[in-house]
Each structure stands twice: as C-alpha cells, then as structure tokens.
C-alpha cells in the first residue's frame, strides 16, 4: 500500500523505497524516498517532497512528464547525498 517502487542497489546492501501519499480533498502529493539497510531494515537516509498535483500539469491539463521525472531524480539524489536539493 502506498509503495510506488522498491529497488535494490547492486553495489551495496541497501534498497530504496519510494512511498506516495495524497489525502482526500487535497491537491498535495507527497513522495517519500527512503534508503534502507537490507539486513537490519534500518533507514539510512530519507527525503520527502510535497507538491501540488498542478505543478506537474500544464494549463491544458496535460501531465508534464519531464517535470515529474525531474522531481523524482532530485528526490533520489537528495536521499542518496543526505542533502536537500537547494543545499547543493
């Protein structure tokens, strides 16, 4: 439930999990990234992005796939580095 993606790192003993959440009657979509140590199940790093659904759509209601993918890439990079995108 609410898990969008689970991937395993080929060069370490970690996995990345991407969770999503959207509350009823809210336009905010939350994407949470976690890097988990597989043996202990401990969270090594996490990062969360909260945006309006409208930030990924143009004025005609068409999804801007590139903008959404940039959000995902920035979130993954922030999770891996442990720094927020604006801190880099």
C-alpha atoms as a PDB file:
ATOM      1  CA  UNK A   1       0.000   0.000   0.000  1.00  0.00           C
ATOM      2  CA  UNK A   2       1.280   3.427  -0.999  1.00  0.00           C
ATOM      3  CA  UNK A   3       4.619   1.941  -2.117  1.00  0.00           C
ATOM      4  CA  UNK A   4       5.402   3.096  -5.624  1.00  0.00           C
ATOM      5  CA  UNK A   5       8.825   1.496  -6.066  1.00  0.00           C
ATOM      6  CA  UNK A   6      11.290  -0.856  -4.352  1.00  0.00           C
ATOM      7  CA  UNK A   7      14.754  -1.263  -5.839  1.00  0.00           C
ATOM      8  CA  UNK A   8      17.941  -2.948  -4.712  1.00  0.00           C
ATOM      9  CA  UNK A   9      21.389  -1.433  -5.066  1.00  0.00           C
ATOM     10  CA  UNK A  10      23.745  -3.779  -6.926  1.00  0.00           C
ATOM     11  CA  UNK A  11      26.840  -2.356  -5.206  1.00  0.00           C
ATOM     12  CA  UNK A  12      25.648  -2.199  -1.589  1.00  0.00           C
ATOM     13  CA  UNK A  13      23.338  -3.904   0.887  1.00  0.00           C
ATOM     14  CA  UNK A  14      20.671  -1.239   0.648  1.00  0.00           C
ATOM     15  CA  UNK A  15      17.356  -0.833  -1.056  1.00  0.00           C
ATOM     16  CA  UNK A  16      15.420   2.269  -1.983  1.00  0.00           C
ATOM     17  CA  UNK A  17      11.726   2.558  -1.354  1.00  0.00           C
ATOM     18  CA  UNK A  18       9.504   5.287  -2.755  1.00  0.00           C
ATOM     19  CA  UNK A  19       6.202   5.844  -0.938  1.00  0.00           C
ATOM     20  CA  UNK A  20       3.429   8.177  -2.020  1.00  0.00           C
ATOM     21  CA  UNK A  21       0.524   9.756  -0.192  1.00  0.00           C
ATOM     22  CA  UNK A  22      -2.348  12.019  -1.141  1.00  0.00           C
ATOM     23  CA  UNK A  23      -5.047  12.995   1.320  1.00  0.00           C
ATOM     24  CA  UNK A  24      -8.647  13.081   0.206  1.00  0.00           C
ATOM     25  CA  UNK A  25      -9.774  16.560  -0.880  1.00  0.00           C
ATOM     26  CA  UNK A  26      -6.190  17.839  -1.023  1.00  0.00           C
ATOM     27  CA  UNK A  27      -4.162  18.764  -4.082  1.00  0.00           C
ATOM     28  CA  UNK A  28      -0.883  17.929  -2.313  1.00  0.00           C
ATOM     29  CA  UNK A  29       1.005  14.808  -3.399  1.00  0.00           C
ATOM     30  CA  UNK A  30       3.751  13.571  -1.076  1.00  0.00           C
ATOM     31  CA  UNK A  31       6.627  11.456  -2.369  1.00  0.00           C
ATOM     32  CA  UNK A  32       8.886   9.951   0.299  1.00  0.00           C
ATOM     33  CA  UNK A  33      12.227   8.375  -0.562  1.00  0.00           C
ATOM     34  CA  UNK A  34      13.996   6.016   1.843  1.00  0.00           C
ATOM     35  CA  UNK A  35      17.266   4.149   1.667  1.00  0.00           C
ATOM     36  CA  UNK A  36      17.052   1.080   3.894  1.00  0.00           C
ATOM     37  CA  UNK A  37      19.816  -1.225   5.130  1.00  0.00           C
ATOM     38  CA  UNK A  38      18.574  -4.630   3.982  1.00  0.00           C
ATOM     39  CA  UNK A  39      19.998  -6.727   6.824  1.00  0.00           C
ATOM     40  CA  UNK A  40      18.764  -4.543   9.688  1.00  0.00           C
ATOM     41  CA  UNK A  41      15.843  -2.801   7.949  1.00  0.00           C
ATOM     42  CA  UNK A  42      17.131   0.499   9.401  1.00  0.00           C
ATOM     43  CA  UNK A  43      16.526   3.729   7.498  1.00  0.00           C
ATOM     44  CA  UNK A  44      19.898   5.041   6.312  1.00  0.00           C
ATOM     45  CA  UNK A  45      18.536   8.181   4.667  1.00  0.00           C
ATOM     46  CA  UNK A  46      15.156   9.673   3.831  1.00  0.00           C
ATOM     47  CA  UNK A  47      13.780  12.661   1.980  1.00  0.00           C
ATOM     48  CA  UNK A  48      10.257  13.861   1.269  1.00  0.00           C
ATOM     49  CA  UNK A  49       8.798  16.052  -1.483  1.00  0.00           C
ATOM     50  CA  UNK A  50       5.361  17.666  -1.175  1.00  0.00           C
ATOM     51  CA  UNK A  51       3.925  19.356  -4.245  1.00  0.00           C
ATOM     52  CA  UNK A  52       0.592  20.321  -5.672  1.00  0.00           C
ATOM     53  CA  UNK A  53      -0.640  17.957  -8.376  1.00  0.00           C
ATOM     54  CA  UNK A  54      -0.914  21.083 -10.534  1.00  0.00           C
ATOM     55  CA  UNK A  55       2.856  21.561 -10.525  1.00  0.00           C
ATOM     56  CA  UNK A  56       3.178  18.600 -12.932  1.00  0.00           C
ATOM     57  CA  UNK A  57       0.424  19.614 -15.349  1.00  0.00           C
ATOM     58  CA  UNK A  58       0.246  22.371 -17.957  1.00  0.00           C
ATOM     59  CA  UNK A  59      -2.644  24.814 -18.419  1.00  0.00           C
ATOM     60  CA  UNK A  60      -4.442  22.291 -20.664  1.00  0.00           C
ATOM     61  CA  UNK A  61      -4.330  19.570 -18.002  1.00  0.00           C
ATOM     62  CA  UNK A  62      -1.637  17.548 -19.775  1.00  0.00           C
ATOM     63  CA  UNK A  63       0.936  15.946 -17.495  1.00  0.00           C
ATOM     64  CA  UNK A  64       4.445  17.332 -17.881  1.00  0.00           C
ATOM     65  CA  UNK A  65       6.286  14.010 -17.651  1.00  0.00           C
ATOM     66  CA  UNK A  66       9.704  15.670 -17.784  1.00  0.00           C
ATOM     67  CA  UNK A  67       8.928  17.907 -14.801  1.00  0.00           C
ATOM     68  CA  UNK A  68       7.635  14.931 -12.795  1.00  0.00           C
ATOM     69  CA  UNK A  69      10.761  12.908 -13.650  1.00  0.00           C
ATOM     70  CA  UNK A  70      12.957  15.840 -12.549  1.00  0.00           C
ATOM     71  CA  UNK A  71      11.155  15.835  -9.203  1.00  0.00           C
ATOM     72  CA  UNK A  72      11.886  12.119  -8.819  1.00  0.00           C
ATOM     73  CA  UNK A  73      15.549  12.500  -9.814  1.00  0.00           C
ATOM     74  CA  UNK A  74      16.049  15.411  -7.402  1.00  0.00           C
ATOM     75  CA  UNK A  75      14.433  13.402  -4.612  1.00  0.00           C
ATOM     76  CA  UNK A  76      16.611  10.363  -5.285  1.00  0.00           C
ATOM     77  CA  UNK A  77      19.771  12.480  -5.405  1.00  0.00           C
ATOM     78  CA  UNK A  78      18.823  14.266  -2.172  1.00  0.00           C
ATOM     79  CA  UNK A  79      18.192  10.925  -0.481  1.00  0.00           C
ATOM     80  CA  UNK A  80      21.492   9.443  -1.655  1.00  0.00           C
ATOM     81  CA  UNK A  81      23.528  12.530  -0.714  1.00  0.00           C
ATOM     82  CA  UNK A  82      21.654  13.298   2.513  1.00  0.00           C
ATOM     83  CA  UNK A  83      21.311  16.943   1.396  1.00  0.00           C
ATOM     84  CA  UNK A  84      18.286  18.845   0.183  1.00  0.00           C
ATOM     85  CA  UNK A  85      18.441  19.959  -3.469  1.00  0.00           C
ATOM     86  CA  UNK A  86      18.745  23.666  -2.582  1.00  0.00           C
ATOM     87  CA  UNK A  87      21.704  22.863  -0.261  1.00  0.00           C
ATOM     88  CA  UNK A  88      23.839  21.597  -3.149  1.00  0.00           C
END
